[in-house]
Amino acid sequence: MTSIGSMGNSIGSLHQEVLKRAEQNLGKGAGVSDFSDRIGDALDQVASEQSKSADLTKAYEMGTEHDLSKVMVQQQVSSLGFQMTLNVRNKVLSAYKDIMNMPV
């Protein structure tokens, strides 16, 4: 019986440690940003990549940039970022519609 009691105590202490780490990872600890900040940062980064792609394309068309592969890679990065943003938006809208159609 004593071996089960000591095992129960060690499980209890492990449970407390897991709860403490979960609280830290869920944003109750310092230095963790929330979901809206992450989405805003991601949208800003996609907008920045699109702007960089447009500037690089314009520079190539004007003759100041001579590396076509650099221009094409930047356009692909911009395109992939936009497609990813569009897919995330579609998934969020789909989840919202599913939640709104749930019976109460």
PDB file of N, CA and C in Angstrom:
ATOM      1  N   MET A   1       0.797  -1.187   0.000  1.00  0.00           N
ATOM      2  CA  MET A   1       0.000   0.000   0.000  1.00  0.00           C
ATOM      3  C   MET A   1       0.847   1.261   0.000  1.00  0.00           C
ATOM      4  N   THR A   2       1.987   1.189   0.656  1.00  0.00           N
ATOM      5  CA  THR A   2       2.832   2.366   0.722  1.00  0.00           C
ATOM      6  C   THR A   2       3.446   2.683  -0.630  1.00  0.00           C
ATOM      7  N   SER A   3       3.695   1.661  -1.450  1.00  0.00           N
ATOM      8  CA  SER A   3       4.272   1.933  -2.767  1.00  0.00           C
ATOM      9  C   SER A   3       3.272   2.659  -3.653  1.00  0.00           C
ATOM     10  N   ILE A   4       2.001   2.350  -3.525  1.00  0.00           N
ATOM     11  CA  ILE A   4       0.979   3.050  -4.300  1.00  0.00           C
ATOM     12  C   ILE A   4       0.848   4.482  -3.809  1.00  0.00           C
ATOM     13  N   GLY A   5       0.922   4.675  -2.515  1.00  0.00           N
ATOM     14  CA  GLY A   5       0.842   6.016  -1.959  1.00  0.00           C
ATOM     15  C   GLY A   5       1.982   6.899  -2.437  1.00  0.00           C
ATOM     16  N   SER A   6       3.189   6.371  -2.471  1.00  0.00           N
ATOM     17  CA  SER A   6       4.323   7.172  -2.932  1.00  0.00           C
ATOM     18  C   SER A   6       4.225   7.432  -4.429  1.00  0.00           C
ATOM     19  N   MET A   7       3.687   6.452  -5.180  1.00  0.00           N
ATOM     20  CA  MET A   7       3.492   6.653  -6.612  1.00  0.00           C
ATOM     21  C   MET A   7       2.411   7.700  -6.851  1.00  0.00           C
ATOM     22  N   GLY A   8       1.384   7.696  -6.038  1.00  0.00           N
ATOM     23  CA  GLY A   8       0.337   8.702  -6.156  1.00  0.00           C
ATOM     24  C   GLY A   8       0.859  10.096  -5.877  1.00  0.00           C
ATOM     25  N   ASN A   9       1.764  10.212  -4.899  1.00  0.00           N
ATOM     26  CA  ASN A   9       2.369  11.512  -4.601  1.00  0.00           C
ATOM     27  C   ASN A   9       3.225  12.000  -5.758  1.00  0.00           C
ATOM     28  N   SER A  10       4.000  11.092  -6.384  1.00  0.00           N
ATOM     29  CA  SER A  10       4.841  11.500  -7.508  1.00  0.00           C
ATOM     30  C   SER A  10       3.988  11.873  -8.715  1.00  0.00           C
ATOM     31  N   ILE A  11       2.877  11.167  -8.916  1.00  0.00           N
ATOM     32  CA  ILE A  11       1.965  11.519 -10.008  1.00  0.00           C
ATOM     33  C   ILE A  11       1.328  12.878  -9.739  1.00  0.00           C
ATOM     34  N   GLY A  12       0.967  13.125  -8.477  1.00  0.00           N
ATOM     35  CA  GLY A  12       0.399  14.422  -8.118  1.00  0.00           C
ATOM     36  C   GLY A  12       1.369  15.564  -8.371  1.00  0.00           C
ATOM     37  N   SER A  13       2.649  15.368  -8.039  1.00  0.00           N
ATOM     38  CA  SER A  13       3.636  16.421  -8.279  1.00  0.00           C
ATOM     39  C   SER A  13       3.879  16.613  -9.774  1.00  0.00           C
ATOM     40  N   LEU A  14       3.879  15.524 -10.540  1.00  0.00           N
ATOM     41  CA  LEU A  14       4.010  15.639 -11.996  1.00  0.00           C
ATOM     42  C   LEU A  14       2.813  16.369 -12.599  1.00  0.00           C
ATOM     43  N   HIS A  15       1.637  16.100 -12.054  1.00  0.00           N
ATOM     44  CA  HIS A  15       0.429  16.765 -12.530  1.00  0.00           C
ATOM     45  C   HIS A  15       0.520  18.272 -12.290  1.00  0.00           C
ATOM     46  N   GLN A  16       1.008  18.664 -11.132  1.00  0.00           N
ATOM     47  CA  GLN A  16       1.168  20.087 -10.828  1.00  0.00           C
ATOM     48  C   GLN A  16       2.180  20.745 -11.771  1.00  0.00           C
ATOM     49  N   GLU A  17       3.253  20.033 -12.075  1.00  0.00           N
ATOM     50  CA  GLU A  17       4.271  20.559 -12.989  1.00  0.00           C
ATOM     51  C   GLU A  17       3.697  20.736 -14.400  1.00  0.00           C
ATOM     52  N   VAL A  18       2.903  19.772 -14.849  1.00  0.00           N
ATOM     53  CA  VAL A  18       2.284  19.868 -16.171  1.00  0.00           C
ATOM     54  C   VAL A  18       1.314  21.042 -16.221  1.00  0.00           C
ATOM     55  N   LEU A  19       0.531  21.237 -15.190  1.00  0.00           N
ATOM     56  CA  LEU A  19      -0.404  22.361 -15.141  1.00  0.00           C
ATOM     57  C   LEU A  19       0.341  23.695 -15.170  1.00  0.00           C
ATOM     58  N   LYS A  20       1.463  23.785 -14.439  1.00  0.00           N
ATOM     59  CA  LYS A  20       2.238  25.016 -14.410  1.00  0.00           C
ATOM     60  C   LYS A  20       2.809  25.327 -15.790  1.00  0.00           C
ATOM     61  N   ARG A  21       3.326  24.324 -16.464  1.00  0.00           N
ATOM     62  CA  ARG A  21       3.871  24.531 -17.813  1.00  0.00           C
ATOM     63  C   ARG A  21       2.779  24.878 -18.817  1.00  0.00           C
ATOM     64  N   ALA A  22       1.614  24.267 -18.680  1.00  0.00           N
ATOM     65  CA  ALA A  22       0.506  24.571 -19.583  1.00  0.00           C
ATOM     66  C   ALA A  22       0.057  26.019 -19.433  1.00  0.00           C
ATOM     67  N   GLU A  23      -0.009  26.504 -18.203  1.00  0.00           N
ATOM     68  CA  GLU A  23      -0.389  27.902 -17.978  1.00  0.00           C
ATOM     69  C   GLU A  23       0.625  28.851 -18.600  1.00  0.00           C
ATOM     70  N   GLN A  24       1.906  28.516 -18.510  1.00  0.00           N
ATOM     71  CA  GLN A  24       2.935  29.355 -19.106  1.00  0.00           C
ATOM     72  C   GLN A  24       2.819  29.365 -20.625  1.00  0.00           C
ATOM     73  N   ASN A  25       2.559  28.214 -21.222  1.00  0.00           N
ATOM     74  CA  ASN A  25       2.473  28.112 -22.681  1.00  0.00           C
ATOM     75  C   ASN A  25       1.191  28.704 -23.248  1.00  0.00           C
ATOM     76  N   LEU A  26       0.169  28.807 -22.437  1.00  0.00           N
ATOM     77  CA  LEU A  26      -1.100  29.355 -22.911  1.00  0.00           C
ATOM     78  C   LEU A  26      -1.171  30.868 -22.789  1.00  0.00           C
ATOM     79  N   GLY A  27      -0.098  31.510 -22.425  1.00  0.00           N
ATOM     80  CA  GLY A  27      -0.089  32.960 -22.418  1.00  0.00           C
ATOM     81  C   GLY A  27      -0.138  33.595 -21.050  1.00  0.00           C
ATOM     82  N   LYS A  28      -0.220  32.803 -20.000  1.00  0.00           N
ATOM     83  CA  LYS A  28      -0.211  33.396 -18.670  1.00  0.00           C
ATOM     84  C   LYS A  28       1.205  33.712 -18.231  1.00  0.00           C
ATOM     85  N   GLY A  29       2.186  33.166 -18.931  1.00  0.00           N
ATOM     86  CA  GLY A  29       3.582  33.480 -18.649  1.00  0.00           C
ATOM     87  C   GLY A  29       3.988  34.728 -19.411  1.00  0.00           C
ATOM     88  N   ALA A  30       5.133  35.272 -19.093  1.00  0.00           N
ATOM     89  CA  ALA A  30       5.611  36.498 -19.733  1.00  0.00           C
ATOM     90  C   ALA A  30       6.185  36.179 -21.109  1.00  0.00           C
ATOM     91  N   GLY A  31       6.028  37.100 -22.045  1.00  0.00           N
ATOM     92  CA  GLY A  31       6.658  36.968 -23.356  1.00  0.00           C
ATOM     93  C   GLY A  31       5.858  36.200 -24.390  1.00  0.00           C
ATOM     94  N   VAL A  32       4.649  35.822 -24.107  1.00  0.00           N
ATOM     95  CA  VAL A  32       3.855  35.068 -25.070  1.00  0.00           C
ATOM     96  C   VAL A  32       2.822  36.006 -25.685  1.00  0.00           C
ATOM     97  N   SER A  33       2.804  36.084 -27.019  1.00  0.00           N
ATOM     98  CA  SER A  33       1.845  36.956 -27.684  1.00  0.00           C
ATOM     99  C   SER A  33       0.536  36.214 -27.914  1.00  0.00           C
ATOM    100  N   ASP A  34      -0.533  36.965 -28.078  1.00  0.00           N
ATOM    101  CA  ASP A  34      -1.814  36.322 -28.279  1.00  0.00           C
ATOM    102  C   ASP A  34      -2.079  36.102 -29.775  1.00  0.00           C
ATOM    103  N   PHE A  35      -3.177  35.442 -30.069  1.00  0.00           N
ATOM    104  CA  PHE A  35      -3.503  35.014 -31.424  1.00  0.00           C
ATOM    105  C   PHE A  35      -3.640  36.200 -32.372  1.00  0.00           C
ATOM    106  N   SER A  36      -4.306  37.258 -31.945  1.00  0.00           N
ATOM    107  CA  SER A  36      -4.516  38.399 -32.834  1.00  0.00           C
ATOM    108  C   SER A  36      -3.196  39.078 -33.200  1.00  0.00           C
ATOM    109  N   ASP A  37      -2.249  39.110 -32.257  1.00  0.00           N
ATOM    110  CA  ASP A  37      -0.931  39.673 -32.566  1.00  0.00           C
ATOM    111  C   ASP A  37      -0.206  38.836 -33.607  1.00  0.00           C
ATOM    112  N   ARG A  38      -0.298  37.531 -33.477  1.00  0.00           N
ATOM    113  CA  ARG A  38       0.365  36.643 -34.439  1.00  0.00           C
ATOM    114  C   ARG A  38      -0.253  36.762 -35.821  1.00  0.00           C
ATOM    115  N   ILE A  39      -1.565  36.845 -35.889  1.00  0.00           N
ATOM    116  CA  ILE A  39      -2.234  36.995 -37.187  1.00  0.00           C
ATOM    117  C   ILE A  39      -1.870  38.338 -37.807  1.00  0.00           C
ATOM    118  N   GLY A  40      -1.859  39.388 -37.004  1.00  0.00           N
ATOM    119  CA  GLY A  40      -1.481  40.709 -37.506  1.00  0.00           C
ATOM    120  C   GLY A  40      -0.060  40.733 -38.031  1.00  0.00           C
ATOM    121  N   ASP A  41       0.854  40.096 -37.301  1.00  0.00           N
ATOM    122  CA  ASP A  41       2.245  40.026 -37.752  1.00  0.00           C
ATOM    123  C   ASP A  41       2.367  39.244 -39.053  1.00  0.00           C
ATOM    124  N   ALA A  42       1.623  38.153 -39.169  1.00  0.00           N
ATOM    125  CA  ALA A  42       1.672  37.348 -40.391  1.00  0.00           C
ATOM    126  C   ALA A  42       1.135  38.139 -41.585  1.00  0.00           C
ATOM    127  N   LEU A  43       0.043  38.879 -41.391  1.00  0.00           N
ATOM    128  CA  LEU A  43      -0.508  39.691 -42.476  1.00  0.00           C
ATOM    129  C   LEU A  43       0.448  40.808 -42.873  1.00  0.00           C
ATOM    130  N   ASP A  44       1.101  41.412 -41.900  1.00  0.00           N
ATOM    131  CA  ASP A  44       2.099  42.443 -42.201  1.00  0.00           C
ATOM    132  C   ASP A  44       3.268  41.871 -42.989  1.00  0.00           C
ATOM    133  N   GLN A  45       3.677  40.655 -42.638  1.00  0.00           N
ATOM    134  CA  GLN A  45       4.780  40.022 -43.342  1.00  0.00           C
ATOM    135  C   GLN A  45       4.397  39.687 -44.784  1.00  0.00           C
ATOM    136  N   VAL A  46       3.179  39.214 -45.010  1.00  0.00           N
ATOM    137  CA  VAL A  46       2.719  38.926 -46.368  1.00  0.00           C
ATOM    138  C   VAL A  46       2.647  40.207 -47.189  1.00  0.00           C
ATOM    139  N   ALA A  47       2.145  41.282 -46.585  1.00  0.00           N
ATOM    140  CA  ALA A  47       2.080  42.566 -47.286  1.00  0.00           C
ATOM    141  C   ALA A  47       3.478  43.072 -47.624  1.00  0.00           C
ATOM    142  N   SER A  48       4.419  42.872 -46.716  1.00  0.00           N
ATOM    143  CA  SER A  48       5.798  43.287 -46.956  1.00  0.00           C
ATOM    144  C   SER A  48       6.417  42.504 -48.116  1.00  0.00           C
ATOM    145  N   GLU A  49       6.170  41.199 -48.151  1.00  0.00           N
ATOM    146  CA  GLU A  49       6.703  40.371 -49.243  1.00  0.00           C
ATOM    147  C   GLU A  49       6.090  40.767 -50.588  1.00  0.00           C
ATOM    148  N   GLN A  50       4.805  41.104 -50.601  1.00  0.00           N
ATOM    149  CA  GLN A  50       4.169  41.539 -51.843  1.00  0.00           C
ATOM    150  C   GLN A  50       4.740  42.872 -52.311  1.00  0.00           C
ATOM    151  N   SER A  51       4.993  43.769 -51.370  1.00  0.00           N
ATOM    152  CA  SER A  51       5.578  45.057 -51.720  1.00  0.00           C
ATOM    153  C   SER A  51       7.000  44.886 -52.248  1.00  0.00           C
ATOM    154  N   LYS A  52       7.758  44.017 -51.587  1.00  0.00           N
ATOM    155  CA  LYS A  52       9.122  43.754 -52.036  1.00  0.00           C
ATOM    156  C   LYS A  52       9.125  43.136 -53.432  1.00  0.00           C
ATOM    157  N   SER A  53       8.176  42.243 -53.698  1.00  0.00           N
ATOM    158  CA  SER A  53       8.064  41.621 -55.009  1.00  0.00           C
ATOM    159  C   SER A  53       7.717  42.648 -56.083  1.00  0.00           C
ATOM    160  N   ALA A  54       6.789  43.545 -55.766  1.00  0.00           N
ATOM    161  CA  ALA A  54       6.408  44.580 -56.731  1.00  0.00           C
ATOM    162  C   ALA A  54       7.571  45.515 -57.018  1.00  0.00           C
ATOM    163  N   ASP A  55       8.312  45.889 -55.976  1.00  0.00           N
ATOM    164  CA  ASP A  55       9.464  46.774 -56.161  1.00  0.00           C
ATOM    165  C   ASP A  55      10.559  46.104 -56.987  1.00  0.00           C
ATOM    166  N   LEU A  56      10.808  44.819 -56.716  1.00  0.00           N
ATOM    167  CA  LEU A  56      11.838  44.098 -57.451  1.00  0.00           C
ATOM    168  C   LEU A  56      11.443  43.898 -58.909  1.00  0.00           C
ATOM    169  N   THR A  57      10.165  43.626 -59.153  1.00  0.00           N
ATOM    170  CA  THR A  57       9.677  43.482 -60.527  1.00  0.00           C
ATOM    171  C   THR A  57       9.800  44.796 -61.285  1.00  0.00           C
ATOM    172  N   LYS A  58       9.439  45.880 -60.624  1.00  0.00           N
ATOM    173  CA  LYS A  58       9.554  47.199 -61.257  1.00  0.00           C
ATOM    174  C   LYS A  58      11.017  47.529 -61.563  1.00  0.00           C
ATOM    175  N   ALA A  59      11.907  47.191 -60.627  1.00  0.00           N
ATOM    176  CA  ALA A  59      13.334  47.437 -60.849  1.00  0.00           C
ATOM    177  C   ALA A  59      13.854  46.622 -62.030  1.00  0.00           C
ATOM    178  N   TYR A  60      13.377  45.398 -62.182  1.00  0.00           N
ATOM    179  CA  TYR A  60      13.802  44.577 -63.326  1.00  0.00           C
ATOM    180  C   TYR A  60      13.280  45.162 -64.635  1.00  0.00           C
ATOM    181  N   GLU A  61      12.033  45.618 -64.617  1.00  0.00           N
ATOM    182  CA  GLU A  61      11.447  46.209 -65.828  1.00  0.00           C
ATOM    183  C   GLU A  61      12.147  47.517 -66.210  1.00  0.00           C
ATOM    184  N   MET A  62      12.635  48.258 -65.217  1.00  0.00           N
ATOM    185  CA  MET A  62      13.338  49.517 -65.482  1.00  0.00           C
ATOM    186  C   MET A  62      14.804  49.289 -65.867  1.00  0.00           C
ATOM    187  N   GLY A  63      15.298  48.083 -65.646  1.00  0.00           N
ATOM    188  CA  GLY A  63      16.660  47.764 -66.020  1.00  0.00           C
ATOM    189  C   GLY A  63      17.678  47.921 -64.922  1.00  0.00           C
ATOM    190  N   THR A  64      17.242  48.234 -63.708  1.00  0.00           N
ATOM    191  CA  THR A  64      18.200  48.385 -62.614  1.00  0.00           C
ATOM    192  C   THR A  64      18.523  47.054 -61.939  1.00  0.00           C
ATOM    193  N   GLU A  65      17.646  46.075 -62.047  1.00  0.00           N
ATOM    194  CA  GLU A  65      17.890  44.728 -61.508  1.00  0.00           C
ATOM    195  C   GLU A  65      18.123  43.792 -62.686  1.00  0.00           C
ATOM    196  N   HIS A  66      19.220  43.027 -62.644  1.00  0.00           N
ATOM    197  CA  HIS A  66      19.575  42.175 -63.771  1.00  0.00           C
ATOM    198  C   HIS A  66      19.429  40.690 -63.469  1.00  0.00           C
ATOM    199  N   ASP A  67      19.092  40.337 -62.248  1.00  0.00           N
ATOM    200  CA  ASP A  67      18.982  38.932 -61.849  1.00  0.00           C
ATOM    201  C   ASP A  67      17.522  38.477 -61.949  1.00  0.00           C
ATOM    202  N   LEU A  68      17.188  37.831 -63.070  1.00  0.00           N
ATOM    203  CA  LEU A  68      15.807  37.389 -63.302  1.00  0.00           C
ATOM    204  C   LEU A  68      15.391  36.315 -62.300  1.00  0.00           C
ATOM    205  N   SER A  69      16.317  35.429 -61.925  1.00  0.00           N
ATOM    206  CA  SER A  69      15.963  34.364 -60.980  1.00  0.00           C
ATOM    207  C   SER A  69      15.575  34.949 -59.621  1.00  0.00           C
ATOM    208  N   LYS A  70      16.246  36.010 -59.193  1.00  0.00           N
ATOM    209  CA  LYS A  70      15.909  36.672 -57.930  1.00  0.00           C
ATOM    210  C   LYS A  70      14.493  37.243 -57.989  1.00  0.00           C
ATOM    211  N   VAL A  71      14.138  37.842 -59.122  1.00  0.00           N
ATOM    212  CA  VAL A  71      12.802  38.415 -59.302  1.00  0.00           C
ATOM    213  C   VAL A  71      11.749  37.307 -59.275  1.00  0.00           C
ATOM    214  N   MET A  72      12.011  36.199 -59.979  1.00  0.00           N
ATOM    215  CA  MET A  72      11.043  35.103 -60.047  1.00  0.00           C
ATOM    216  C   MET A  72      10.857  34.430 -58.679  1.00  0.00           C
ATOM    217  N   VAL A  73      11.951  34.249 -57.956  1.00  0.00           N
ATOM    218  CA  VAL A  73      11.842  33.638 -56.622  1.00  0.00           C
ATOM    219  C   VAL A  73      11.041  34.542 -55.694  1.00  0.00           C
ATOM    220  N   GLN A  74      11.283  35.838 -55.749  1.00  0.00           N
ATOM    221  CA  GLN A  74      10.541  36.763 -54.897  1.00  0.00           C
ATOM    222  C   GLN A  74       9.055  36.765 -55.254  1.00  0.00           C
ATOM    223  N   GLN A  75       8.739  36.657 -56.535  1.00  0.00           N
ATOM    224  CA  GLN A  75       7.333  36.586 -56.940  1.00  0.00           C
ATOM    225  C   GLN A  75       6.676  35.304 -56.432  1.00  0.00           C
ATOM    226  N   GLN A  76       7.417  34.194 -56.434  1.00  0.00           N
ATOM    227  CA  GLN A  76       6.868  32.940 -55.917  1.00  0.00           C
ATOM    228  C   GLN A  76       6.660  32.999 -54.406  1.00  0.00           C
ATOM    229  N   VAL A  77       7.587  33.610 -53.688  1.00  0.00           N
ATOM    230  CA  VAL A  77       7.440  33.773 -52.237  1.00  0.00           C
ATOM    231  C   VAL A  77       6.193  34.606 -51.939  1.00  0.00           C
ATOM    232  N   SER A  78       6.023  35.670 -52.689  1.00  0.00           N
ATOM    233  CA  SER A  78       4.860  36.532 -52.506  1.00  0.00           C
ATOM    234  C   SER A  78       3.567  35.787 -52.815  1.00  0.00           C
ATOM    235  N   SER A  79       3.582  35.027 -53.895  1.00  0.00           N
ATOM    236  CA  SER A  79       2.397  34.266 -54.293  1.00  0.00           C
ATOM    237  C   SER A  79       2.036  33.203 -53.261  1.00  0.00           C
ATOM    238  N   LEU A  80       3.028  32.488 -52.763  1.00  0.00           N
ATOM    239  CA  LEU A  80       2.767  31.454 -51.756  1.00  0.00           C
ATOM    240  C   LEU A  80       2.230  32.057 -50.457  1.00  0.00           C
ATOM    241  N   GLY A  81       2.769  33.196 -50.061  1.00  0.00           N
ATOM    242  CA  GLY A  81       2.269  33.866 -48.866  1.00  0.00           C
ATOM    243  C   GLY A  81       0.814  34.278 -49.017  1.00  0.00           C
ATOM    244  N   PHE A  82       0.473  34.798 -50.190  1.00  0.00           N
ATOM    245  CA  PHE A  82      -0.907  35.202 -50.429  1.00  0.00           C
ATOM    246  C   PHE A  82      -1.842  33.994 -50.450  1.00  0.00           C
ATOM    247  N   GLN A  83      -1.419  32.908 -51.106  1.00  0.00           N
ATOM    248  CA  GLN A  83      -2.251  31.707 -51.156  1.00  0.00           C
ATOM    249  C   GLN A  83      -2.462  31.124 -49.765  1.00  0.00           C
ATOM    250  N   MET A  84      -1.413  31.138 -48.947  1.00  0.00           N
ATOM    251  CA  MET A  84      -1.539  30.633 -47.587  1.00  0.00           C
ATOM    252  C   MET A  84      -2.512  31.491 -46.779  1.00  0.00           C
ATOM    253  N   THR A  85      -2.409  32.803 -46.927  1.00  0.00           N
ATOM    254  CA  THR A  85      -3.326  33.705 -46.235  1.00  0.00           C
ATOM    255  C   THR A  85      -4.764  33.466 -46.671  1.00  0.00           C
ATOM    256  N   LEU A  86      -4.962  33.275 -47.955  1.00  0.00           N
ATOM    257  CA  LEU A  86      -6.294  33.014 -48.488  1.00  0.00           C
ATOM    258  C   LEU A  86      -6.851  31.698 -47.952  1.00  0.00           C
ATOM    259  N   ASN A  87      -6.021  30.665 -47.877  1.00  0.00           N
ATOM    260  CA  ASN A  87      -6.476  29.375 -47.348  1.00  0.00           C
ATOM    261  C   ASN A  87      -6.809  29.455 -45.862  1.00  0.00           C
ATOM    262  N   VAL A  88      -6.022  30.199 -45.102  1.00  0.00           N
ATOM    263  CA  VAL A  88      -6.325  30.372 -43.672  1.00  0.00           C
ATOM    264  C   VAL A  88      -7.649  31.106 -43.515  1.00  0.00           C
ATOM    265  N   ARG A  89      -7.856  32.150 -44.313  1.00  0.00           N
ATOM    266  CA  ARG A  89      -9.120  32.888 -44.246  1.00  0.00           C
ATOM    267  C   ARG A  89     -10.300  31.978 -44.565  1.00  0.00           C
ATOM    268  N   ASN A  90     -10.162  31.138 -45.590  1.00  0.00           N
ATOM    269  CA  ASN A  90     -11.243  30.230 -45.963  1.00  0.00           C
ATOM    270  C   ASN A  90     -11.535  29.228 -44.854  1.00  0.00           C
ATOM    271  N   LYS A  91     -10.494  28.719 -44.197  1.00  0.00           N
ATOM    272  CA  LYS A  91     -10.695  27.769 -43.094  1.00  0.00           C
ATOM    273  C   LYS A  91     -11.382  28.451 -41.909  1.00  0.00           C
ATOM    274  N   VAL A  92     -10.994  29.679 -41.613  1.00  0.00           N
ATOM    275  CA  VAL A  92     -11.618  30.403 -40.503  1.00  0.00           C
ATOM    276  C   VAL A  92     -13.089  30.667 -40.802  1.00  0.00           C
ATOM    277  N   LEU A  93     -13.394  31.078 -42.024  1.00  0.00           N
ATOM    278  CA  LEU A  93     -14.797  31.305 -42.398  1.00  0.00           C
ATOM    279  C   LEU A  93     -15.611  30.017 -42.349  1.00  0.00           C
ATOM    280  N   SER A  94     -15.011  28.927 -42.789  1.00  0.00           N
ATOM    281  CA  SER A  94     -15.699  27.640 -42.745  1.00  0.00           C
ATOM    282  C   SER A  94     -15.979  27.227 -41.296  1.00  0.00           C
ATOM    283  N   ALA A  95     -15.009  27.414 -40.419  1.00  0.00           N
ATOM    284  CA  ALA A  95     -15.207  27.083 -39.005  1.00  0.00           C
ATOM    285  C   ALA A  95     -16.281  27.969 -38.392  1.00  0.00           C
ATOM    286  N   TYR A  96     -16.290  29.251 -38.754  1.00  0.00           N
ATOM    287  CA  TYR A  96     -17.308  30.172 -38.239  1.00  0.00           C
ATOM    288  C   TYR A  96     -18.702  29.740 -38.682  1.00  0.00           C
ATOM    289  N   LYS A  97     -18.829  29.363 -39.964  1.00  0.00           N
ATOM    290  CA  LYS A  97     -20.136  28.895 -40.459  1.00  0.00           C
ATOM    291  C   LYS A  97     -20.579  27.626 -39.752  1.00  0.00           C
ATOM    292  N   ASP A  98     -19.630  26.706 -39.510  1.00  0.00           N
ATOM    293  CA  ASP A  98     -19.972  25.477 -38.799  1.00  0.00           C
ATOM    294  C   ASP A  98     -20.447  25.769 -37.377  1.00  0.00           C
ATOM    295  N   ILE A  99     -19.775  26.692 -36.717  1.00  0.00           N
ATOM    296  CA  ILE A  99     -20.176  27.050 -35.352  1.00  0.00           C
ATOM    297  C   ILE A  99     -21.542  27.726 -35.346  1.00  0.00           C
ATOM    298  N   MET A 100     -21.800  28.595 -36.310  1.00  0.00           N
ATOM    299  CA  MET A 100     -23.091  29.280 -36.359  1.00  0.00           C
ATOM    300  C   MET A 100     -24.236  28.333 -36.693  1.00  0.00           C
ATOM    301  N   ASN A 101     -23.951  27.236 -37.386  1.00  0.00           N
ATOM    302  CA  ASN A 101     -24.999  26.282 -37.755  1.00  0.00           C
ATOM    303  C   ASN A 101     -25.225  25.203 -36.701  1.00  0.00           C
ATOM    304  N   MET A 102     -24.472  25.243 -35.601  1.00  0.00           N
ATOM    305  CA  MET A 102     -24.663  24.272 -34.533  1.00  0.00           C
ATOM    306  C   MET A 102     -25.967  24.540 -33.801  1.00  0.00           C
ATOM    307  N   PRO A 103     -26.705  23.480 -33.523  1.00  0.00           N
ATOM    308  CA  PRO A 103     -27.934  23.689 -32.730  1.00  0.00           C
ATOM    309  C   PRO A 103     -27.590  24.035 -31.295  1.00  0.00           C
ATOM    310  N   VAL A 104     -28.419  24.896 -30.723  1.00  0.00           N
ATOM    311  CA  VAL A 104     -28.166  25.340 -29.350  1.00  0.00           C
ATOM    312  C   VAL A 104     -28.925  24.478 -28.383  1.00  0.00           C
TER     313      VAL A 104
END
